[in-house]
PDB file of N, CA and C in Angstrom:
ATOM      1  N   MET A   1       9.763   3.016 -24.032  1.00  0.00           N
ATOM      2  CA  MET A   1       9.887   1.134 -24.570  1.00  0.00           C
ATOM      3  C   MET A   1      10.189   0.210 -25.500  1.00  0.00           C
ATOM      4  N   PRO A   2      11.779   0.330 -25.371  1.00  0.00           N
ATOM      5  CA  PRO A   2      12.402  -0.176 -26.207  1.00  0.00           C
ATOM      6  C   PRO A   2      11.735  -1.618 -27.104  1.00  0.00           C
ATOM      7  N   ASN A   3      10.765  -1.865 -28.410  1.00  0.00           N
ATOM      8  CA  ASN A   3      10.959  -3.551 -29.590  1.00  0.00           C
ATOM      9  C   ASN A   3       8.987  -3.287 -28.397  1.00  0.00           C
ATOM     10  N   GLY A   4       8.687  -2.370 -27.596  1.00  0.00           N
ATOM     11  CA  GLY A   4       7.053  -2.423 -27.468  1.00  0.00           C
ATOM     12  C   GLY A   4       6.522  -2.947 -26.028  1.00  0.00           C
ATOM     13  N   HIS A   5       7.327  -3.799 -24.971  1.00  0.00           N
ATOM     14  CA  HIS A   5       7.709  -4.261 -24.071  1.00  0.00           C
ATOM     15  C   HIS A   5       7.965  -3.019 -23.114  1.00  0.00           C
ATOM     16  N   ALA A   6       7.089  -3.141 -22.062  1.00  0.00           N
ATOM     17  CA  ALA A   6       6.536  -2.375 -21.060  1.00  0.00           C
ATOM     18  C   ALA A   6       7.844  -2.223 -20.503  1.00  0.00           C
ATOM     19  N   LEU A   7       8.484  -1.260 -19.315  1.00  0.00           N
ATOM     20  CA  LEU A   7       9.449  -1.400 -18.244  1.00  0.00           C
ATOM     21  C   LEU A   7       8.934  -1.921 -17.166  1.00  0.00           C
ATOM     22  N   PRO A   8       9.683  -2.982 -16.624  1.00  0.00           N
ATOM     23  CA  PRO A   8       8.979  -3.436 -15.298  1.00  0.00           C
ATOM     24  C   PRO A   8       9.002  -2.303 -14.478  1.00  0.00           C
ATOM     25  N   GLN A   9       8.003  -2.350 -13.587  1.00  0.00           N
ATOM     26  CA  GLN A   9       7.539  -1.738 -12.492  1.00  0.00           C
ATOM     27  C   GLN A   9       7.938  -2.137 -11.058  1.00  0.00           C
ATOM     28  N   THR A  10       9.390  -0.725 -10.313  1.00  0.00           N
ATOM     29  CA  THR A  10       9.819  -0.780  -9.402  1.00  0.00           C
ATOM     30  C   THR A  10       8.632   0.357  -8.213  1.00  0.00           C
ATOM     31  N   GLN A  11       9.124  -0.599  -6.569  1.00  0.00           N
ATOM     32  CA  GLN A  11       8.543  -0.151  -6.042  1.00  0.00           C
ATOM     33  C   GLN A  11       8.349   1.834  -6.083  1.00  0.00           C
ATOM     34  N   GLU A  12       9.038   2.415  -6.025  1.00  0.00           N
ATOM     35  CA  GLU A  12      10.358   3.399  -7.149  1.00  0.00           C
ATOM     36  C   GLU A  12       8.909   4.224  -8.327  1.00  0.00           C
ATOM     37  N   SER A  13       8.492   3.116  -8.493  1.00  0.00           N
ATOM     38  CA  SER A  13       7.933   3.702 -10.492  1.00  0.00           C
ATOM     39  C   SER A  13       5.935   3.822  -9.797  1.00  0.00           C
ATOM     40  N   ARG A  14       5.937   2.983  -8.939  1.00  0.00           N
ATOM     41  CA  ARG A  14       4.069   2.528  -8.553  1.00  0.00           C
ATOM     42  C   ARG A  14       3.849   4.088  -7.219  1.00  0.00           C
ATOM     43  N   ALA A  15       4.702   4.647  -6.180  1.00  0.00           N
ATOM     44  CA  ALA A  15       5.003   5.722  -5.440  1.00  0.00           C
ATOM     45  C   ALA A  15       4.439   6.698  -6.349  1.00  0.00           C
ATOM     46  N   VAL A  16       3.524   7.503  -5.570  1.00  0.00           N
ATOM     47  CA  VAL A  16       3.457   8.289  -6.679  1.00  0.00           C
ATOM     48  C   VAL A  16       3.426   9.681  -5.705  1.00  0.00           C
ATOM     49  N   GLY A  17       4.229  10.667  -5.758  1.00  0.00           N
ATOM     50  CA  GLY A  17       3.923  11.572  -4.397  1.00  0.00           C
ATOM     51  C   GLY A  17       4.541  11.137  -3.343  1.00  0.00           C
ATOM     52  N   GLY A  18       5.034   9.963  -3.156  1.00  0.00           N
ATOM     53  CA  GLY A  18       5.142   9.766  -1.788  1.00  0.00           C
ATOM     54  C   GLY A  18       3.580   8.863  -1.176  1.00  0.00           C
ATOM     55  N   SER A  19       2.817   7.764  -2.621  1.00  0.00           N
ATOM     56  CA  SER A  19       1.918   7.922  -2.622  1.00  0.00           C
ATOM     57  C   SER A  19       1.965   6.409  -2.675  1.00  0.00           C
ATOM     58  N   LEU A  20       1.856   5.335  -2.709  1.00  0.00           N
ATOM     59  CA  LEU A  20       1.976   3.660  -2.929  1.00  0.00           C
ATOM     60  C   LEU A  20       0.829   3.353  -3.289  1.00  0.00           C
ATOM     61  N   ASP A  21       0.661   2.557  -4.878  1.00  0.00           N
ATOM     62  CA  ASP A  21      -0.622   1.768  -4.717  1.00  0.00           C
ATOM     63  C   ASP A  21      -0.963   0.450  -3.962  1.00  0.00           C
ATOM     64  N   TYR A  22      -1.947   0.137  -4.198  1.00  0.00           N
ATOM     65  CA  TYR A  22      -1.634  -1.283  -4.013  1.00  0.00           C
ATOM     66  C   TYR A  22      -0.878  -2.247  -3.838  1.00  0.00           C
ATOM     67  N   GLU A  23      -0.263  -2.402  -4.923  1.00  0.00           N
ATOM     68  CA  GLU A  23       0.889  -3.396  -4.836  1.00  0.00           C
ATOM     69  C   GLU A  23       1.846  -3.011  -3.841  1.00  0.00           C
ATOM     70  N   ALA A  24       2.273  -1.853  -3.830  1.00  0.00           N
ATOM     71  CA  ALA A  24       3.621  -0.940  -2.834  1.00  0.00           C
ATOM     72  C   ALA A  24       3.283  -1.038  -1.965  1.00  0.00           C
ATOM     73  N   ALA A  25       2.221  -0.992  -1.346  1.00  0.00           N
ATOM     74  CA  ALA A  25       1.917  -0.240  -0.191  1.00  0.00           C
ATOM     75  C   ALA A  25       1.821  -2.874   0.347  1.00  0.00           C
ATOM     76  N   ALA A  26       2.050  -3.452  -0.120  1.00  0.00           N
ATOM     77  CA  ALA A  26       1.686  -4.783   0.335  1.00  0.00           C
ATOM     78  C   ALA A  26       3.103  -4.951   0.300  1.00  0.00           C
ATOM     79  N   THR A  27       3.824  -4.316  -0.595  1.00  0.00           N
ATOM     80  CA  THR A  27       4.996  -4.596   0.035  1.00  0.00           C
ATOM     81  C   THR A  27       6.063  -4.369   1.648  1.00  0.00           C
ATOM     82  N   TYR A  28       5.187  -3.313   1.928  1.00  0.00           N
ATOM     83  CA  TYR A  28       5.850  -2.604   3.083  1.00  0.00           C
ATOM     84  C   TYR A  28       5.252  -3.702   3.968  1.00  0.00           C
ATOM     85  N   PRO A  29       3.732  -4.086   4.077  1.00  0.00           N
ATOM     86  CA  PRO A  29       3.860  -4.571   5.724  1.00  0.00           C
ATOM     87  C   PRO A  29       4.336  -6.282   4.887  1.00  0.00           C
ATOM     88  N   ARG A  30       4.635  -5.937   4.525  1.00  0.00           N
ATOM     89  CA  ARG A  30       4.991  -8.168   3.817  1.00  0.00           C
ATOM     90  C   ARG A  30       3.755  -8.580   3.833  1.00  0.00           C
ATOM     91  N   THR A  31       2.794  -8.226   2.991  1.00  0.00           N
ATOM     92  CA  THR A  31       1.468  -8.571   2.694  1.00  0.00           C
ATOM     93  C   THR A  31       1.011  -8.836   1.422  1.00  0.00           C
ATOM     94  N   THR A  32      -0.234  -9.124   0.780  1.00  0.00           N
ATOM     95  CA  THR A  32      -0.597  -9.142  -0.630  1.00  0.00           C
ATOM     96  C   THR A  32      -1.446  -7.593  -1.064  1.00  0.00           C
ATOM     97  N   PRO A  33      -1.620  -8.190  -2.357  1.00  0.00           N
ATOM     98  CA  PRO A  33      -2.373  -6.406  -2.353  1.00  0.00           C
ATOM     99  C   PRO A  33      -4.367  -6.985  -2.188  1.00  0.00           C
ATOM    100  N   ARG A  34      -4.308  -7.505  -1.955  1.00  0.00           N
ATOM    101  CA  ARG A  34      -5.832  -8.683  -1.625  1.00  0.00           C
ATOM    102  C   ARG A  34      -5.937  -7.998  -0.035  1.00  0.00           C
ATOM    103  N   HIS A  35      -4.797  -8.208   0.374  1.00  0.00           N
ATOM    104  CA  HIS A  35      -5.511  -7.841   1.756  1.00  0.00           C
ATOM    105  C   HIS A  35      -5.416  -6.252   2.135  1.00  0.00           C
ATOM    106  N   ILE A  36      -4.633  -5.757   1.044  1.00  0.00           N
ATOM    107  CA  ILE A  36      -4.509  -4.231   1.129  1.00  0.00           C
ATOM    108  C   ILE A  36      -5.842  -3.702   0.877  1.00  0.00           C
ATOM    109  N   ARG A  37      -5.965  -3.997   0.558  1.00  0.00           N
ATOM    110  CA  ARG A  37      -8.065  -4.234  -0.633  1.00  0.00           C
ATOM    111  C   ARG A  37      -8.636  -4.435   0.279  1.00  0.00           C
ATOM    112  N   GLU A  38      -8.919  -5.532   0.686  1.00  0.00           N
ATOM    113  CA  GLU A  38      -9.736  -5.976   1.890  1.00  0.00           C
ATOM    114  C   GLU A  38      -9.511  -4.999   3.513  1.00  0.00           C
ATOM    115  N   LEU A  39      -8.841  -4.494   3.202  1.00  0.00           N
ATOM    116  CA  LEU A  39      -8.536  -3.661   4.810  1.00  0.00           C
ATOM    117  C   LEU A  39      -9.064  -2.197   4.427  1.00  0.00           C
ATOM    118  N   TRP A  40      -8.476  -1.722   3.149  1.00  0.00           N
ATOM    119  CA  TRP A  40      -9.683  -0.424   2.481  1.00  0.00           C
ATOM    120  C   TRP A  40     -11.214  -0.608   2.178  1.00  0.00           C
ATOM    121  N   ALA A  41     -10.938  -1.836   2.146  1.00  0.00           N
ATOM    122  CA  ALA A  41     -12.774  -2.190   2.040  1.00  0.00           C
ATOM    123  C   ALA A  41     -13.110  -1.985   3.548  1.00  0.00           C
ATOM    124  N   LYS A  42     -12.824  -2.556   3.977  1.00  0.00           N
ATOM    125  CA  LYS A  42     -13.573  -2.165   5.914  1.00  0.00           C
ATOM    126  C   LYS A  42     -13.539  -1.359   6.188  1.00  0.00           C
ATOM    127  N   ARG A  43     -12.593  -0.066   5.269  1.00  0.00           N
ATOM    128  CA  ARG A  43     -11.743   0.678   6.318  1.00  0.00           C
ATOM    129  C   ARG A  43     -11.171   0.714   7.626  1.00  0.00           C
ATOM    130  N   GLN A  44     -10.631   0.290   7.176  1.00  0.00           N
ATOM    131  CA  GLN A  44      -9.765   0.055   8.397  1.00  0.00           C
ATOM    132  C   GLN A  44      -7.914   0.447   7.805  1.00  0.00           C
ATOM    133  N   LEU A  45      -7.726   0.806   6.544  1.00  0.00           N
ATOM    134  CA  LEU A  45      -7.086   1.179   6.434  1.00  0.00           C
ATOM    135  C   LEU A  45      -7.312   2.373   5.512  1.00  0.00           C
ATOM    136  N   THR A  46      -6.493   3.719   6.551  1.00  0.00           N
ATOM    137  CA  THR A  46      -6.393   5.105   5.424  1.00  0.00           C
ATOM    138  C   THR A  46      -6.147   5.168   3.884  1.00  0.00           C
ATOM    139  N   ALA A  47      -6.164   5.351   3.468  1.00  0.00           N
ATOM    140  CA  ALA A  47      -6.110   5.699   1.925  1.00  0.00           C
ATOM    141  C   ALA A  47      -6.686   7.675   1.594  1.00  0.00           C
ATOM    142  N   ILE A  48      -5.708   7.750   0.243  1.00  0.00           N
ATOM    143  CA  ILE A  48      -5.828   9.034  -0.511  1.00  0.00           C
ATOM    144  C   ILE A  48      -6.451   8.854  -1.839  1.00  0.00           C
ATOM    145  N   LYS A  49      -7.733   8.615  -2.052  1.00  0.00           N
ATOM    146  CA  LYS A  49      -8.176   8.893  -3.144  1.00  0.00           C
ATOM    147  C   LYS A  49      -9.006   9.421  -3.958  1.00  0.00           C
ATOM    148  N   VAL A  50      -8.135   9.479  -5.562  1.00  0.00           N
ATOM    149  CA  VAL A  50      -8.087  11.111  -6.366  1.00  0.00           C
ATOM    150  C   VAL A  50      -9.200  10.477  -7.730  1.00  0.00           C
ATOM    151  N   GLY A  51     -10.147  10.358  -8.087  1.00  0.00           N
ATOM    152  CA  GLY A  51     -11.014   9.626  -9.545  1.00  0.00           C
ATOM    153  C   GLY A  51     -10.998   8.254  -8.362  1.00  0.00           C
ATOM    154  N   ARG A  52     -10.830   7.434  -9.406  1.00  0.00           N
ATOM    155  CA  ARG A  52     -10.804   5.857  -9.231  1.00  0.00           C
ATOM    156  C   ARG A  52      -9.926   5.271  -9.181  1.00  0.00           C
ATOM    157  N   CYS A  53      -8.395   6.511  -8.742  1.00  0.00           N
ATOM    158  CA  CYS A  53      -6.693   5.570  -7.722  1.00  0.00           C
ATOM    159  C   CYS A  53      -7.288   5.494  -6.240  1.00  0.00           C
ATOM    160  N   VAL A  54      -7.176   4.836  -6.209  1.00  0.00           N
ATOM    161  CA  VAL A  54      -6.621   4.872  -4.681  1.00  0.00           C
ATOM    162  C   VAL A  54      -5.198   4.209  -3.901  1.00  0.00           C
ATOM    163  N   ARG A  55      -4.903   4.972  -3.224  1.00  0.00           N
ATOM    164  CA  ARG A  55      -2.684   5.607  -2.876  1.00  0.00           C
ATOM    165  C   ARG A  55      -2.993   5.846  -0.866  1.00  0.00           C
ATOM    166  N   PHE A  56      -2.364   5.009  -0.881  1.00  0.00           N
ATOM    167  CA  PHE A  56      -1.531   4.630   0.520  1.00  0.00           C
ATOM    168  C   PHE A  56      -0.163   5.512   0.529  1.00  0.00           C
ATOM    169  N   ALA A  57      -0.735   5.867   1.840  1.00  0.00           N
ATOM    170  CA  ALA A  57       0.710   6.905   2.413  1.00  0.00           C
ATOM    171  C   ALA A  57       1.663   5.942   3.174  1.00  0.00           C
ATOM    172  N   LYS A  58       2.867   6.038   3.455  1.00  0.00           N
ATOM    173  CA  LYS A  58       3.113   5.917   4.152  1.00  0.00           C
ATOM    174  C   LYS A  58       3.243   5.799   5.811  1.00  0.00           C
ATOM    175  N   VAL A  59       3.163   6.616   6.059  1.00  0.00           N
ATOM    176  CA  VAL A  59       2.488   7.193   7.397  1.00  0.00           C
ATOM    177  C   VAL A  59       1.015   6.530   7.754  1.00  0.00           C
ATOM    178  N   ASP A  60       0.442   6.077   6.465  1.00  0.00           N
ATOM    179  CA  ASP A  60      -1.285   5.405   7.517  1.00  0.00           C
ATOM    180  C   ASP A  60      -0.771   4.041   7.133  1.00  0.00           C
ATOM    181  N   LEU A  61       0.399   3.775   7.058  1.00  0.00           N
ATOM    182  CA  LEU A  61       0.606   1.624   6.949  1.00  0.00           C
ATOM    183  C   LEU A  61       1.876   1.982   8.156  1.00  0.00           C
ATOM    184  N   ASP A  62       2.342   2.656   8.322  1.00  0.00           N
ATOM    185  CA  ASP A  62       2.910   2.704  10.217  1.00  0.00           C
ATOM    186  C   ASP A  62       1.983   2.408  11.111  1.00  0.00           C
ATOM    187  N   ALA A  63       0.611   3.296  11.088  1.00  0.00           N
ATOM    188  CA  ALA A  63       0.172   3.529  11.814  1.00  0.00           C
ATOM    189  C   ALA A  63      -1.139   2.593  11.499  1.00  0.00           C
ATOM    190  N   PHE A  64      -1.424   1.892  10.737  1.00  0.00           N
ATOM    191  CA  PHE A  64      -2.012   0.915  10.942  1.00  0.00           C
ATOM    192  C   PHE A  64      -1.376  -0.101  11.448  1.00  0.00           C
ATOM    193  N   ILE A  65      -0.017  -0.311  11.147  1.00  0.00           N
ATOM    194  CA  ILE A  65       0.566  -1.786  11.889  1.00  0.00           C
ATOM    195  C   ILE A  65       0.607  -1.029  13.546  1.00  0.00           C
ATOM    196  N   SER A  66       0.858  -0.068  13.337  1.00  0.00           N
ATOM    197  CA  SER A  66       0.749   0.030  15.171  1.00  0.00           C
ATOM    198  C   SER A  66      -0.180  -0.780  15.886  1.00  0.00           C
ATOM    199  N   SER A  67      -0.791   0.759  15.081  1.00  0.00           N
ATOM    200  CA  SER A  67      -2.612  -0.120  16.194  1.00  0.00           C
ATOM    201  C   SER A  67      -2.693  -1.864  15.816  1.00  0.00           C
ATOM    202  N   SER A  68      -2.519  -2.724  15.408  1.00  0.00           N
ATOM    203  CA  SER A  68      -2.494  -4.360  15.059  1.00  0.00           C
ATOM    204  C   SER A  68      -1.511  -4.825  15.896  1.00  0.00           C
ATOM    205  N   ARG A  69      -0.719  -3.688  16.685  1.00  0.00           N
ATOM    206  CA  ARG A  69       0.365  -4.433  17.705  1.00  0.00           C
ATOM    207  C   ARG A  69      -0.494  -5.200  18.908  1.00  0.00           C
ATOM    208  N   VAL A  70       0.351  -6.405  19.303  1.00  0.00           N
ATOM    209  CA  VAL A  70      -0.511  -6.874  20.261  1.00  0.00           C
ATOM    210  C   VAL A  70       0.705  -7.422  21.116  1.00  0.00           C
ATOM    211  N   ASP A  71       0.569  -6.253  22.286  1.00  0.00           N
ATOM    212  CA  ASP A  71       1.807  -6.975  23.659  1.00  0.00           C
ATOM    213  C   ASP A  71       1.592  -8.358  23.729  1.00  0.00           C
ATOM    214  N   ALA A  72       2.804  -8.570  24.615  1.00  0.00           N
ATOM    215  CA  ALA A  72       3.526 -10.123  25.028  1.00  0.00           C
ATOM    216  C   ALA A  72       2.939  -9.371  26.514  1.00  0.00           C
ATOM    217  N   ILE A  73       2.165 -11.338  26.941  1.00  0.00           N
ATOM    218  CA  ILE A  73       1.896 -11.140  28.234  1.00  0.00           C
ATOM    219  C   ILE A  73       2.503 -11.796  28.982  1.00  0.00           C
ATOM    220  N   ARG A  74       3.238 -10.644  29.993  1.00  0.00           N
ATOM    221  CA  ARG A  74       4.056 -11.392  31.071  1.00  0.00           C
ATOM    222  C   ARG A  74       4.055 -11.934  32.934  1.00  0.00           C
TER     223      ARG A  74
END
């Protein structure tokens, strides 16, 4: 950390072992961290919880997106 300034976090730096924090998880389906928190609070989104840290796996985000799909009427 040069000059006492924190380095900017990228999605890769917020990903730990393939799991994503709220900010990084929100960038994947292009939503907000608040929406991810709401989905987790309602248990509509699967997460990995270690202590107080909540992380999300990309496969779980993919599963949520697939389950939210609404097919067109033909």
